[in-house]
Amino acid sequence: MQIKDYFQKKGLNRLLILALLILIVMVIRDILNLVLITFIMAFLMNRIQSGITNLIGRWVKIKPQIIVIFLYALVIALMTVGISKYLPVIIGEISQLIKQLGTLNIKPQGSDNEMLNELIN
């Protein structure tokens, strides 16, 4: 058998494709969360846009692009409002937590661990 015959077998082709997919996932593992969030957002926006287009399409003909622009503008507006409202609250909570951790008195009893003693003192 020649090498060309090996590559024409379905089993080897499937194995090579699986190995390629695993290699791609390993290469993008650092940004995989971003890829998944982007896919989920695009999928949800498409479903919402399709539903609104079908719902409104009974009475008024409107381009799907207008609905998509409106939906993304709505998401950006909601994120802006949420960040401007809750970011100061989160920062205040974190600063209070840091102050409380600073006043926390950790004294291990009879510790002979030099590294722990250096961290505490």
C-alpha atoms as a PDB file:
ATOM      1  CA  MET A   1       0.000   0.000   0.000  1.00  0.00           C
ATOM      2  CA  GLN A   2       1.073   3.498  -0.708  1.00  0.00           C
ATOM      3  CA  ILE A   3       0.747   6.495   1.584  1.00  0.00           C
ATOM      4  CA  LYS A   4      -2.009   7.849  -0.655  1.00  0.00           C
ATOM      5  CA  ASP A   5      -4.118   4.772   0.096  1.00  0.00           C
ATOM      6  CA  TYR A   6      -3.785   5.330   3.853  1.00  0.00           C
ATOM      7  CA  PHE A   7      -5.089   8.875   3.572  1.00  0.00           C
ATOM      8  CA  GLN A   8      -8.145   7.722   1.610  1.00  0.00           C
ATOM      9  CA  LYS A   9      -9.395   5.556   4.468  1.00  0.00           C
ATOM     10  CA  LYS A  10     -12.314   7.009   6.417  1.00  0.00           C
ATOM     11  CA  GLY A  11     -10.965   5.950   9.790  1.00  0.00           C
ATOM     12  CA  LEU A  12      -7.639   7.710   9.309  1.00  0.00           C
ATOM     13  CA  ASN A  13      -9.339  10.827   7.932  1.00  0.00           C
ATOM     14  CA  ARG A  14     -11.611  10.999  10.975  1.00  0.00           C
ATOM     15  CA  LEU A  15      -8.664  10.513  13.297  1.00  0.00           C
ATOM     16  CA  LEU A  16      -6.690  13.280  11.573  1.00  0.00           C
ATOM     17  CA  ILE A  17      -9.667  15.656  11.729  1.00  0.00           C
ATOM     18  CA  LEU A  18     -10.123  14.875  15.429  1.00  0.00           C
ATOM     19  CA  ALA A  19      -6.403  15.487  16.035  1.00  0.00           C
ATOM     20  CA  LEU A  20      -6.662  18.791  14.134  1.00  0.00           C
ATOM     21  CA  LEU A  21      -9.665  19.879  16.215  1.00  0.00           C
ATOM     22  CA  ILE A  22      -7.844  18.994  19.431  1.00  0.00           C
ATOM     23  CA  LEU A  23      -4.818  20.966  18.248  1.00  0.00           C
ATOM     24  CA  ILE A  24      -6.975  23.999  17.433  1.00  0.00           C
ATOM     25  CA  VAL A  25      -8.644  23.872  20.862  1.00  0.00           C
ATOM     26  CA  MET A  26      -5.244  23.610  22.542  1.00  0.00           C
ATOM     27  CA  VAL A  27      -3.962  26.615  20.605  1.00  0.00           C
ATOM     28  CA  ILE A  28      -6.965  28.824  21.462  1.00  0.00           C
ATOM     29  CA  ARG A  29      -7.489  27.591  25.034  1.00  0.00           C
ATOM     30  CA  ASP A  30      -6.407  30.958  26.420  1.00  0.00           C
ATOM     31  CA  ILE A  31      -9.181  32.766  24.578  1.00  0.00           C
ATOM     32  CA  LEU A  32     -11.722  29.947  24.530  1.00  0.00           C
ATOM     33  CA  ASN A  33     -13.978  31.714  27.058  1.00  0.00           C
ATOM     34  CA  LEU A  34     -14.083  34.784  24.833  1.00  0.00           C
ATOM     35  CA  VAL A  35     -14.887  32.654  21.785  1.00  0.00           C
ATOM     36  CA  LEU A  36     -17.696  30.860  23.635  1.00  0.00           C
ATOM     37  CA  ILE A  37     -19.204  34.083  25.004  1.00  0.00           C
ATOM     38  CA  THR A  38     -19.070  35.630  21.527  1.00  0.00           C
ATOM     39  CA  PHE A  39     -20.793  32.589  20.031  1.00  0.00           C
ATOM     40  CA  ILE A  40     -23.492  32.572  22.729  1.00  0.00           C
ATOM     41  CA  MET A  41     -24.154  36.304  22.298  1.00  0.00           C
ATOM     42  CA  ALA A  42     -24.374  35.986  18.512  1.00  0.00           C
ATOM     43  CA  PHE A  43     -26.676  32.972  18.794  1.00  0.00           C
ATOM     44  CA  LEU A  44     -28.983  34.699  21.289  1.00  0.00           C
ATOM     45  CA  MET A  45     -29.093  37.902  19.251  1.00  0.00           C
ATOM     46  CA  ASN A  46     -29.957  35.908  16.136  1.00  0.00           C
ATOM     47  CA  ARG A  47     -32.780  34.092  17.927  1.00  0.00           C
ATOM     48  CA  ILE A  48     -34.160  37.319  19.421  1.00  0.00           C
ATOM     49  CA  GLN A  49     -33.896  39.086  16.061  1.00  0.00           C
ATOM     50  CA  SER A  50     -35.696  36.227  14.288  1.00  0.00           C
ATOM     51  CA  GLY A  51     -38.471  36.249  16.875  1.00  0.00           C
ATOM     52  CA  ILE A  52     -38.949  40.003  16.697  1.00  0.00           C
ATOM     53  CA  THR A  53     -38.839  39.963  12.890  1.00  0.00           C
ATOM     54  CA  ASN A  54     -41.507  37.248  12.779  1.00  0.00           C
ATOM     55  CA  LEU A  55     -43.631  39.011  15.387  1.00  0.00           C
ATOM     56  CA  ILE A  56     -43.452  42.479  13.849  1.00  0.00           C
ATOM     57  CA  GLY A  57     -43.390  41.138  10.297  1.00  0.00           C
ATOM     58  CA  ARG A  58     -47.094  40.331  10.504  1.00  0.00           C
ATOM     59  CA  TRP A  59     -47.986  44.011  10.582  1.00  0.00           C
ATOM     60  CA  VAL A  60     -44.966  45.988   9.380  1.00  0.00           C
ATOM     61  CA  LYS A  61     -42.167  44.989   7.050  1.00  0.00           C
ATOM     62  CA  ILE A  62     -38.880  45.926   8.686  1.00  0.00           C
ATOM     63  CA  LYS A  63     -35.351  44.984   7.737  1.00  0.00           C
ATOM     64  CA  PRO A  64     -33.643  42.530  10.093  1.00  0.00           C
ATOM     65  CA  GLN A  65     -30.523  44.738  10.102  1.00  0.00           C
ATOM     66  CA  ILE A  66     -32.468  47.537  11.824  1.00  0.00           C
ATOM     67  CA  ILE A  67     -33.623  45.146  14.530  1.00  0.00           C
ATOM     68  CA  VAL A  68     -30.049  43.878  15.049  1.00  0.00           C
ATOM     69  CA  ILE A  69     -28.734  47.443  15.364  1.00  0.00           C
ATOM     70  CA  PHE A  70     -31.479  48.246  17.873  1.00  0.00           C
ATOM     71  CA  LEU A  71     -30.778  45.092  19.893  1.00  0.00           C
ATOM     72  CA  TYR A  72     -27.023  45.715  20.120  1.00  0.00           C
ATOM     73  CA  ALA A  73     -27.651  49.363  21.032  1.00  0.00           C
ATOM     74  CA  LEU A  74     -30.014  48.163  23.767  1.00  0.00           C
ATOM     75  CA  VAL A  75     -27.420  45.705  25.114  1.00  0.00           C
ATOM     76  CA  ILE A  76     -24.718  48.407  25.132  1.00  0.00           C
ATOM     77  CA  ALA A  77     -27.080  50.852  26.881  1.00  0.00           C
ATOM     78  CA  LEU A  78     -28.011  48.290  29.530  1.00  0.00           C
ATOM     79  CA  MET A  79     -24.352  47.414  30.127  1.00  0.00           C
ATOM     80  CA  THR A  80     -23.484  51.110  30.448  1.00  0.00           C
ATOM     81  CA  VAL A  81     -26.269  51.717  32.951  1.00  0.00           C
ATOM     82  CA  GLY A  82     -25.339  48.592  34.892  1.00  0.00           C
ATOM     83  CA  ILE A  83     -21.664  49.494  35.040  1.00  0.00           C
ATOM     84  CA  SER A  84     -22.315  53.107  36.011  1.00  0.00           C
ATOM     85  CA  LYS A  85     -24.755  52.045  38.724  1.00  0.00           C
ATOM     86  CA  TYR A  86     -23.042  48.999  40.219  1.00  0.00           C
ATOM     87  CA  LEU A  87     -19.318  49.616  39.668  1.00  0.00           C
ATOM     88  CA  PRO A  88     -19.088  52.207  42.483  1.00  0.00           C
ATOM     89  CA  VAL A  89     -20.940  49.803  44.787  1.00  0.00           C
ATOM     90  CA  ILE A  90     -18.547  46.968  43.938  1.00  0.00           C
ATOM     91  CA  ILE A  91     -15.507  49.223  44.442  1.00  0.00           C
ATOM     92  CA  GLY A  92     -16.870  50.341  47.823  1.00  0.00           C
ATOM     93  CA  GLU A  93     -17.460  46.754  48.912  1.00  0.00           C
ATOM     94  CA  ILE A  94     -13.956  45.704  47.863  1.00  0.00           C
ATOM     95  CA  SER A  95     -12.374  48.633  49.702  1.00  0.00           C
ATOM     96  CA  GLN A  96     -14.356  47.746  52.847  1.00  0.00           C
ATOM     97  CA  LEU A  97     -13.206  44.148  52.529  1.00  0.00           C
ATOM     98  CA  ILE A  98      -9.578  45.241  52.219  1.00  0.00           C
ATOM     99  CA  LYS A  99      -9.937  47.448  55.316  1.00  0.00           C
ATOM    100  CA  GLN A 100     -11.467  44.575  57.262  1.00  0.00           C
ATOM    101  CA  LEU A 101      -8.694  42.213  56.183  1.00  0.00           C
ATOM    102  CA  GLY A 102      -6.148  44.822  57.275  1.00  0.00           C
ATOM    103  CA  THR A 103      -7.602  44.965  60.782  1.00  0.00           C
ATOM    104  CA  LEU A 104      -7.820  41.195  61.055  1.00  0.00           C
ATOM    105  CA  ASN A 105      -5.274  39.999  63.602  1.00  0.00           C
ATOM    106  CA  ILE A 106      -3.781  36.677  62.619  1.00  0.00           C
ATOM    107  CA  LYS A 107      -1.382  35.302  65.199  1.00  0.00           C
ATOM    108  CA  PRO A 108      -0.685  31.602  64.916  1.00  0.00           C
ATOM    109  CA  GLN A 109      -0.042  30.079  68.279  1.00  0.00           C
ATOM    110  CA  GLY A 110       3.402  28.620  68.683  1.00  0.00           C
ATOM    111  CA  SER A 111       4.256  28.622  64.984  1.00  0.00           C
ATOM    112  CA  ASP A 112       7.818  27.618  64.144  1.00  0.00           C
ATOM    113  CA  ASN A 113       7.302  28.279  60.444  1.00  0.00           C
ATOM    114  CA  GLU A 114       9.674  31.103  59.483  1.00  0.00           C
ATOM    115  CA  MET A 115       7.965  31.855  56.198  1.00  0.00           C
ATOM    116  CA  LEU A 116       4.568  32.212  57.870  1.00  0.00           C
ATOM    117  CA  ASN A 117       6.050  34.452  60.544  1.00  0.00           C
ATOM    118  CA  GLU A 118       7.595  36.701  57.840  1.00  0.00           C
ATOM    119  CA  LEU A 119       4.254  36.998  56.023  1.00  0.00           C
ATOM    120  CA  ILE A 120       2.384  37.911  59.186  1.00  0.00           C
ATOM    121  CA  ASN A 121       4.956  40.405  60.524  1.00  0.00           C
END
